[in-house]
């Protein structure tokens, strides 16, 4: 039955599915139709050799003196197949599909139709399952009664729920839309994708698309915090000191970041440098707002951030968005306080060390001058032990340190027990 391979290849090409799976489905359909014709107790076997394009069907029959039904074979006929056959033996008799008849053929067609639909759905589901966590593109088909956006993917349907839509987005039927695939469901009517345009992963995937260094891992996106249609903060890091992660993501003349911003509907995107040191990280996240001092309570995941009075509004942001994003990004509950109110909080009394004590301690390191100690203090470094926790890259990034001095300081720190 070489014809089955030709049929399978045509079907596979038409439905864009694997031909081997089609052949197996065809074989199963034929087995079912034979059972329908000759009874459910019929033992039907198939032999499939794809490499040599050989497909055979066999029915197991009992050897008797004189056959009375389709599941029996006379001893005389059995001897023609196997000369050693005896009464009571079971032998496999090759089946001719032409014996099926009109009803059985109709059954086979119905079975095959259902199998192909199930197979096509399964292949589609597996294909889209690989796209979970990725950006997919489809055509807007309609807007639902609850303002859900229905997206056509040709062989699947996407649902972009209202809660996953950015307030700044506008959807027009017939236009192409990009969205983040959160989940894929296999339902009776077909495959359904659950989409989002507010998920942080959507922003990450946009950077993956626009920035080769993010794709190859030389620049790592450590965290993303987003208030859709308002502002997004992206924390980036590179182990390679020769790579500027911020400049890399922004691109020459802002070409890379502008592509991301455009897809987000001109939403403001801040790219900041990630740091293992929470104080530095918080300060970076608040930039370009200046920070006077950070009082960090790491065990409580809380921080008091003191800023110049004139920077207070910018640090908080419109409707508190900036402060909220900094808290999301760093995982620390941020309390932004005007510098003029520092004494009212009793901050100096609560500190275990005064600023002068900290600066004096830091100046114990030979290469740290008074000015540099003051800079380190402003960047949240309150002790030599804390200084040991930051990386060489982070130390170099502090204004006034530089590559040579950073390396020297690191050498001296390593000498301290």
Protein backbone atom coordinates (compact mmCIF):
# COMPACT_ATOMS: atom_id res chain seq x y z
CA UNK A 1 0.00 0.00 0.00
CA UNK A 2 2.45 2.61 -1.16
CA UNK A 3 -0.50 4.90 -1.90
CA UNK A 4 -0.85 5.68 1.80
CA UNK A 5 2.52 7.46 1.77
CA UNK A 6 1.47 9.65 -1.16
CA UNK A 7 -1.85 10.46 0.54
CA UNK A 8 -0.06 11.20 3.81
CA UNK A 9 2.43 13.53 2.15
CA UNK A 10 -0.35 15.49 0.44
CA UNK A 11 -2.29 15.85 3.70
CA UNK A 12 0.85 16.78 5.65
CA UNK A 13 1.72 19.47 3.13
CA UNK A 14 -1.82 20.86 3.08
CA UNK A 15 -2.10 21.05 6.88
CA UNK A 16 1.57 21.79 7.62
CA UNK A 17 1.99 18.78 9.91
CA UNK A 18 4.44 15.89 10.14
CA UNK A 19 3.89 13.22 7.43
CA UNK A 20 4.89 10.38 9.77
CA UNK A 21 2.16 11.41 12.20
CA UNK A 22 -0.34 11.49 9.31
CA UNK A 23 0.65 7.98 8.21
CA UNK A 24 0.17 6.69 11.75
CA UNK A 25 -3.24 8.37 11.91
CA UNK A 26 -4.24 6.84 8.57
CA UNK A 27 -3.15 3.40 9.78
CA UNK A 28 -5.18 3.82 12.98
CA UNK A 29 -8.24 4.93 11.01
CA UNK A 30 -8.05 1.85 8.78
CA UNK A 31 -7.73 -0.41 11.83
CA UNK A 32 -10.85 1.15 13.36
CA UNK A 33 -12.87 0.79 10.13
CA UNK A 34 -11.90 -2.90 9.83
CA UNK A 35 -13.01 -3.48 13.42
CA UNK A 36 -16.31 -1.79 12.60
CA UNK A 37 -16.82 -4.13 9.62
CA UNK A 38 -15.66 -7.42 11.15
CA UNK A 39 -16.44 -6.83 14.82
CA UNK A 40 -14.70 -5.32 17.80
CA UNK A 41 -13.17 -8.72 18.65
CA UNK A 42 -11.15 -8.63 15.41
CA UNK A 43 -7.40 -8.38 15.98
CA UNK A 44 -6.04 -5.96 13.40
CA UNK A 45 -2.30 -5.40 12.98
CA UNK A 46 -0.32 -2.98 10.86
CA UNK A 47 3.24 -3.10 9.58
CA UNK A 48 4.75 0.26 8.75
CA UNK A 49 8.19 0.70 7.15
CA UNK A 50 8.53 4.41 6.29
CA UNK A 51 12.06 4.15 4.92
CA UNK A 52 11.03 1.57 2.31
CA UNK A 53 7.51 3.03 1.93
CA UNK A 54 5.86 -0.28 2.82
CA UNK A 55 2.55 -0.42 4.68
CA UNK A 56 0.62 -3.65 5.26
CA UNK A 57 -2.52 -4.55 7.19
CA UNK A 58 -3.07 -7.97 8.78
CA UNK A 59 -6.02 -9.63 10.52
CA UNK A 60 -5.22 -12.32 13.04
CA UNK A 61 -7.33 -15.40 12.18
CA UNK A 62 -7.86 -18.74 13.84
CA UNK A 63 -7.13 -21.85 11.77
CA UNK A 64 -10.19 -24.15 11.61
CA UNK A 65 -11.36 -27.00 9.42
CA UNK A 66 -13.89 -24.77 7.68
CA UNK A 67 -14.11 -20.99 8.22
CA UNK A 68 -17.48 -19.69 9.45
CA UNK A 69 -16.69 -15.97 9.96
CA UNK A 70 -14.16 -13.31 9.05
CA UNK A 71 -11.97 -14.06 12.05
CA UNK A 72 -11.39 -17.65 10.96
CA UNK A 73 -9.46 -19.25 8.10
CA UNK A 74 -9.73 -22.76 6.76
CA UNK A 75 -6.83 -25.12 7.19
CA UNK A 76 -6.53 -25.37 3.40
CA UNK A 77 -6.17 -21.57 2.98
CA UNK A 78 -3.88 -21.32 6.00
CA UNK A 79 -1.48 -23.89 4.49
CA UNK A 80 -1.04 -21.56 1.50
CA UNK A 81 0.27 -18.87 3.83
CA UNK A 82 2.12 -21.10 6.29
CA UNK A 83 2.68 -24.77 5.32
CA UNK A 84 3.23 -25.61 9.01
CA UNK A 85 -0.17 -24.21 10.09
CA UNK A 86 -2.39 -26.55 12.16
CA UNK A 87 -5.96 -26.37 13.42
CA UNK A 88 -6.15 -24.14 16.49
CA UNK A 89 -3.21 -21.95 15.40
CA UNK A 90 -3.49 -18.22 14.82
CA UNK A 91 -1.93 -16.69 11.75
CA UNK A 92 -1.76 -13.16 10.34
CA UNK A 93 -3.59 -12.79 7.04
CA UNK A 94 -2.83 -9.78 4.87
CA UNK A 95 -5.90 -7.62 4.34
CA UNK A 96 -6.96 -6.02 1.06
CA UNK A 97 -8.45 -2.53 1.72
CA UNK A 98 -10.83 -3.04 -1.22
CA UNK A 99 -12.74 -5.49 0.99
CA UNK A 100 -13.79 -2.66 3.30
CA UNK A 101 -16.95 -1.69 1.43
CA UNK A 102 -18.76 1.64 1.23
CA UNK A 103 -19.86 1.86 4.90
CA UNK A 104 -16.44 0.95 6.25
CA UNK A 105 -14.75 3.44 3.91
CA UNK A 106 -17.12 6.14 5.12
CA UNK A 107 -16.24 5.22 8.70
CA UNK A 108 -12.54 5.44 7.88
CA UNK A 109 -13.02 8.89 6.36
CA UNK A 110 -14.87 10.15 9.44
CA UNK A 111 -12.27 8.70 11.78
CA UNK A 112 -9.44 10.18 9.72
CA UNK A 113 -11.11 13.58 9.64
CA UNK A 114 -11.39 13.67 13.42
CA UNK A 115 -7.84 12.35 13.86
CA UNK A 116 -6.41 14.97 11.53
CA UNK A 117 -8.22 17.76 13.34
CA UNK A 118 -6.93 16.47 16.68
CA UNK A 119 -3.45 16.02 15.23
CA UNK A 120 -3.44 19.49 13.69
CA UNK A 121 -4.62 20.97 17.00
CA UNK A 122 -1.95 19.05 18.92
CA UNK A 123 0.81 20.21 16.55
CA UNK A 124 -0.45 23.80 16.79
CA UNK A 125 -0.56 23.59 20.58
CA UNK A 126 3.00 22.22 20.78
CA UNK A 127 4.20 24.88 18.34
CA UNK A 128 2.70 27.77 20.33
CA UNK A 129 3.74 26.23 23.67
CA UNK A 130 7.31 26.91 22.59
CA UNK A 131 6.38 30.59 22.21
CA UNK A 132 5.24 31.10 25.80
CA UNK A 133 7.33 33.97 27.14
CA UNK A 134 7.93 35.29 23.62
CA UNK A 135 6.41 37.99 21.45
CA UNK A 136 3.93 36.82 18.81
CA UNK A 137 2.29 38.78 15.99
CA UNK A 138 -1.26 38.40 14.74
CA UNK A 139 -4.10 40.29 13.10
CA UNK A 140 -6.76 41.98 15.21
CA UNK A 141 -9.95 40.12 14.40
CA UNK A 142 -12.48 41.83 16.66
CA UNK A 143 -13.04 43.64 19.95
CA UNK A 144 -15.13 41.61 22.40
CA UNK A 145 -18.06 42.78 24.53
CA UNK A 146 -15.76 43.23 27.52
CA UNK A 147 -13.22 45.09 25.34
CA UNK A 148 -11.05 41.99 25.09
CA UNK A 149 -9.04 42.08 21.90
CA UNK A 150 -9.45 38.95 19.72
CA UNK A 151 -6.36 38.21 17.61
CA UNK A 152 -6.23 35.88 14.61
CA UNK A 153 -3.11 33.70 14.25
CA UNK A 154 -4.49 31.74 11.23
CA UNK A 155 -4.34 28.37 13.06
CA UNK A 156 -5.06 29.71 16.57
CA UNK A 157 -6.97 32.48 18.31
CA UNK A 158 -5.42 34.95 20.76
CA UNK A 159 -7.19 36.72 23.62
CA UNK A 160 -5.77 40.00 24.88
CA UNK A 161 -7.87 40.65 28.02
CA UNK A 162 -8.72 44.23 28.95
CA UNK A 163 -6.55 44.00 32.10
CA UNK A 164 -3.53 43.04 29.96
CA UNK A 165 -3.93 46.04 27.65
CA UNK A 166 -1.89 49.19 28.09
CA UNK A 167 -4.14 52.25 28.63
CA UNK A 168 -2.31 54.04 25.83
CA UNK A 169 -2.91 51.31 23.24
CA UNK A 170 -5.50 51.66 20.48
CA UNK A 171 -6.72 48.63 18.57
CA UNK A 172 -8.08 48.67 15.02
CA UNK A 173 -9.62 45.59 13.40
CA UNK A 174 -7.44 44.32 10.58
CA UNK A 175 -4.18 45.77 11.90
CA UNK A 176 -1.22 43.66 13.01
CA UNK A 177 -0.50 43.56 16.74
CA UNK A 178 2.48 42.34 18.78
CA UNK A 179 1.86 40.83 22.20
CA UNK A 180 3.53 38.70 24.86
CA UNK A 181 2.33 35.06 25.01
CA UNK A 182 1.56 34.30 28.68
CA UNK A 183 -0.13 30.94 28.19
CA UNK A 184 -1.48 28.54 25.57
CA UNK A 185 -4.67 26.52 26.08
CA UNK A 186 -5.84 23.47 24.11
CA UNK A 187 -9.62 23.71 23.98
CA UNK A 188 -12.29 21.63 22.16
CA UNK A 189 -12.70 24.27 19.45
CA UNK A 190 -8.97 24.83 18.95
CA UNK A 191 -5.88 26.46 20.42
CA UNK A 192 -6.18 29.70 22.38
CA UNK A 193 -3.31 32.04 23.32
CA UNK A 194 -3.55 34.28 26.39
CA UNK A 195 -1.76 37.53 25.54
CA UNK A 196 -0.43 40.59 27.34
CA UNK A 197 1.00 43.98 26.45
CA UNK A 198 1.56 45.02 30.08
CA UNK A 199 3.70 42.08 31.25
CA UNK A 200 7.35 43.01 32.11
CA UNK A 201 8.37 40.13 29.84
CA UNK A 202 6.96 42.08 26.88
CA UNK A 203 9.49 44.85 27.53
CA UNK A 204 12.32 42.33 28.00
CA UNK A 205 11.51 40.62 24.70
CA UNK A 206 11.49 43.99 22.91
CA UNK A 207 15.01 44.63 24.22
CA UNK A 208 16.01 41.10 23.15
CA UNK A 209 14.83 41.93 19.63
CA UNK A 210 16.52 45.35 19.41
CA UNK A 211 19.76 44.75 21.36
CA UNK A 212 22.07 41.92 20.16
CA UNK A 213 24.08 42.09 23.40
CA UNK A 214 20.94 41.28 25.40
CA UNK A 215 20.22 38.35 23.06
CA UNK A 216 23.72 36.89 23.42
CA UNK A 217 23.81 37.43 27.19
CA UNK A 218 26.71 39.89 27.35
CA UNK A 219 24.21 42.42 28.76
CA UNK A 220 21.76 41.04 31.30
CA UNK A 221 18.36 42.51 32.18
CA UNK A 222 18.20 42.05 35.94
CA UNK A 223 14.78 43.56 36.67
CA UNK A 224 11.90 45.43 35.05
CA UNK A 225 9.25 47.60 36.71
CA UNK A 226 6.43 49.05 34.68
CA UNK A 227 3.43 51.31 34.94
CA UNK A 228 1.89 50.77 31.47
CA UNK A 229 1.52 53.91 29.30
CA UNK A 230 3.34 55.95 31.99
CA UNK A 231 6.87 54.77 32.67
CA UNK A 232 9.12 51.73 32.71
CA UNK A 233 12.44 51.17 34.48
CA UNK A 234 14.87 48.52 33.27
CA UNK A 235 17.90 47.50 35.36
CA UNK A 236 20.81 46.20 33.26
CA UNK A 237 24.21 44.73 34.05
CA UNK A 238 27.27 43.39 32.26
CA UNK A 239 30.07 41.22 33.68
CA UNK A 240 32.32 42.59 30.95
CA UNK A 241 33.81 45.87 32.22
CA UNK A 242 34.42 46.93 28.60
CA UNK A 243 30.68 46.98 27.89
CA UNK A 244 28.53 49.91 29.00
CA UNK A 245 25.16 48.18 29.53
CA UNK A 246 23.18 51.42 29.52
CA UNK A 247 24.78 52.84 26.36
CA UNK A 248 24.44 49.46 24.67
CA UNK A 249 20.69 49.31 25.34
CA UNK A 250 20.11 52.93 24.35
CA UNK A 251 22.10 52.59 21.12
CA UNK A 252 23.77 55.21 18.94
CA UNK A 253 21.64 58.38 18.99
CA UNK A 254 19.00 56.42 20.90
CA UNK A 255 18.08 54.21 17.95
CA UNK A 256 17.62 51.02 19.96
CA UNK A 257 15.64 52.49 22.84
CA UNK A 258 13.47 54.51 20.47
CA UNK A 259 12.29 51.30 18.76
CA UNK A 260 11.25 49.91 22.15
CA UNK A 261 9.54 53.17 23.15
CA UNK A 262 7.62 53.28 19.86
CA UNK A 263 6.21 49.78 20.38
CA UNK A 264 5.17 50.79 23.92
CA UNK A 265 3.23 53.76 22.59
CA UNK A 266 5.85 56.41 23.41
CA UNK A 267 5.97 55.29 27.04
CA UNK A 268 9.00 56.70 28.88
CA UNK A 269 11.69 54.06 29.45
CA UNK A 270 14.55 54.54 31.94
CA UNK A 271 17.54 52.22 31.60
CA UNK A 272 19.55 52.12 34.82
CA UNK A 273 22.64 50.26 36.04
CA UNK A 274 21.93 47.31 38.36
CA UNK A 275 24.05 46.90 41.49
CA UNK A 276 24.34 44.19 44.13
CA UNK A 277 24.72 47.02 46.62
CA UNK A 278 21.18 48.10 47.48
CA UNK A 279 22.09 51.67 48.31
CA UNK A 280 23.83 52.17 44.96
CA UNK A 281 21.01 50.35 43.20
CA UNK A 282 18.37 52.61 44.77
CA UNK A 283 20.40 55.70 43.90
CA UNK A 284 20.77 54.52 40.29
CA UNK A 285 17.06 53.76 40.06
CA UNK A 286 16.15 57.30 41.19
CA UNK A 287 18.44 58.99 38.65
CA UNK A 288 18.45 61.63 37.29
CA UNK A 289 17.09 62.83 40.66
CA UNK A 290 19.97 63.48 43.07
CA UNK A 291 20.16 61.59 46.36
CA UNK A 292 21.72 63.16 49.46
CA UNK A 293 21.68 60.15 51.74
CA UNK A 294 20.15 56.68 52.03
CA UNK A 295 19.30 55.06 55.34
CA UNK A 296 18.86 51.36 54.54
CA UNK A 297 17.13 48.74 56.69
CA UNK A 298 17.99 45.61 54.70
CA UNK A 299 16.35 43.12 57.07
CA UNK A 300 13.06 44.99 56.70
CA UNK A 301 13.53 45.62 52.95
CA UNK A 302 12.98 49.30 53.68
CA UNK A 303 14.89 52.49 52.98
CA UNK A 304 14.67 56.19 53.82
CA UNK A 305 15.95 58.19 50.88
CA UNK A 306 16.86 61.85 51.50
CA UNK A 307 16.87 64.14 48.48
CA UNK A 308 17.46 67.89 48.01
CA UNK A 309 14.20 69.78 48.48
CA UNK A 310 14.20 70.92 44.85
CA UNK A 311 14.53 67.27 43.71
CA UNK A 312 11.65 65.96 45.83
CA UNK A 313 8.86 66.28 43.23
CA UNK A 314 10.95 64.66 40.47
CA UNK A 315 12.02 61.82 42.78
CA UNK A 316 8.42 61.07 43.73
CA UNK A 317 7.19 61.53 40.15
CA UNK A 318 3.74 62.44 38.90
CA UNK A 319 1.15 60.70 41.09
CA UNK A 320 4.03 58.89 42.83
CA UNK A 321 4.84 56.77 39.78
CA UNK A 322 8.62 57.17 39.95
CA UNK A 323 8.86 56.20 43.63
CA UNK A 324 6.52 53.25 43.05
CA UNK A 325 8.65 51.97 40.16
CA UNK A 326 11.88 52.29 42.17
CA UNK A 327 10.28 50.20 44.93
CA UNK A 328 9.16 47.55 42.40
CA UNK A 329 12.52 47.48 40.69
CA UNK A 330 14.65 47.16 43.85
CA UNK A 331 12.23 45.17 45.98
CA UNK A 332 12.64 47.75 48.76
CA UNK A 333 9.89 49.87 50.31
CA UNK A 334 11.07 53.42 49.58
CA UNK A 335 10.29 56.44 51.75
CA UNK A 336 11.50 59.62 49.99
CA UNK A 337 12.16 62.51 52.35
CA UNK A 338 13.21 66.12 51.77
CA UNK A 339 16.74 66.90 52.91
CA UNK A 340 15.45 69.78 55.03
CA UNK A 341 13.45 67.30 57.11
CA UNK A 342 16.43 65.07 57.86
CA UNK A 343 16.94 66.35 61.43
CA UNK A 344 13.19 66.09 62.19
CA UNK A 345 13.34 62.33 61.67
CA UNK A 346 15.93 61.93 64.38
CA UNK A 347 18.15 60.30 61.76
CA UNK A 348 21.46 61.35 63.29
CA UNK A 349 20.46 60.02 66.70
CA UNK A 350 19.39 56.66 65.28
CA UNK A 351 22.56 56.07 63.27
CA UNK A 352 25.10 53.85 64.93
CA UNK A 353 27.91 55.85 63.30
CA UNK A 354 28.11 59.50 62.37
CA UNK A 355 29.14 60.53 58.90
CA UNK A 356 32.51 61.63 60.29
CA UNK A 357 33.03 58.19 61.87
CA UNK A 358 32.31 56.45 58.58
CA UNK A 359 34.61 58.74 56.57
CA UNK A 360 37.40 58.23 59.09
CA UNK A 361 36.98 54.44 58.86
CA UNK A 362 37.01 54.45 55.04
CA UNK A 363 40.14 56.62 54.99
CA UNK A 364 41.93 53.77 56.75
CA UNK A 365 42.37 52.38 53.21
CA UNK A 366 45.51 54.06 51.84
CA UNK A 367 44.07 55.06 48.45
CA UNK A 368 40.86 56.56 49.85
CA UNK A 369 41.08 60.32 50.34
CA UNK A 370 38.67 62.45 52.33
CA UNK A 371 36.81 63.50 49.17
CA UNK A 372 36.57 59.92 47.92
CA UNK A 373 35.39 58.67 51.34
CA UNK A 374 32.70 61.34 51.22
CA UNK A 375 31.67 60.16 47.72
CA UNK A 376 31.50 56.54 48.93
CA UNK A 377 29.37 57.64 51.87
CA UNK A 378 26.97 59.43 49.51
CA UNK A 379 26.71 56.19 47.52
CA UNK A 380 25.57 54.27 50.59
CA UNK A 381 28.93 52.80 51.68
CA UNK A 382 28.94 53.00 55.49
CA UNK A 383 31.85 50.71 56.40
CA UNK A 384 34.87 48.86 55.08
CA UNK A 385 32.89 45.62 55.34
CA UNK A 386 30.19 47.06 53.12
CA UNK A 387 32.83 48.31 50.69
CA UNK A 388 34.05 44.71 50.35
CA UNK A 389 30.61 43.58 49.11
CA UNK A 390 30.53 45.70 45.93
CA UNK A 391 32.08 44.55 42.66
CA UNK A 392 35.07 46.12 40.92
CA UNK A 393 32.74 47.40 38.15
CA UNK A 394 30.48 49.09 40.70
CA UNK A 395 33.46 50.69 42.43
CA UNK A 396 34.78 52.00 39.09
CA UNK A 397 31.35 53.44 38.24
CA UNK A 398 31.39 55.74 41.30
CA UNK A 399 32.36 59.23 40.20
CA UNK A 400 35.90 60.11 41.31
CA UNK A 401 37.20 56.54 41.66
CA UNK A 402 38.45 55.47 38.22
CA UNK A 403 39.82 52.14 37.02
CA UNK A 404 43.35 52.35 38.48
CA UNK A 405 42.27 53.56 41.91
CA UNK A 406 39.46 50.97 42.05
CA UNK A 407 41.92 48.14 41.39
CA UNK A 408 44.32 49.51 44.02
CA UNK A 409 41.53 49.75 46.59
CA UNK A 410 40.48 46.18 45.78
CA UNK A 411 44.05 44.93 46.31
CA UNK A 412 44.24 46.67 49.70
CA UNK A 413 40.80 45.35 50.73
CA UNK A 414 41.93 41.80 49.98
CA UNK A 415 44.86 42.28 52.36
CA UNK A 416 42.49 43.11 55.23
CA UNK A 417 41.32 40.05 57.20
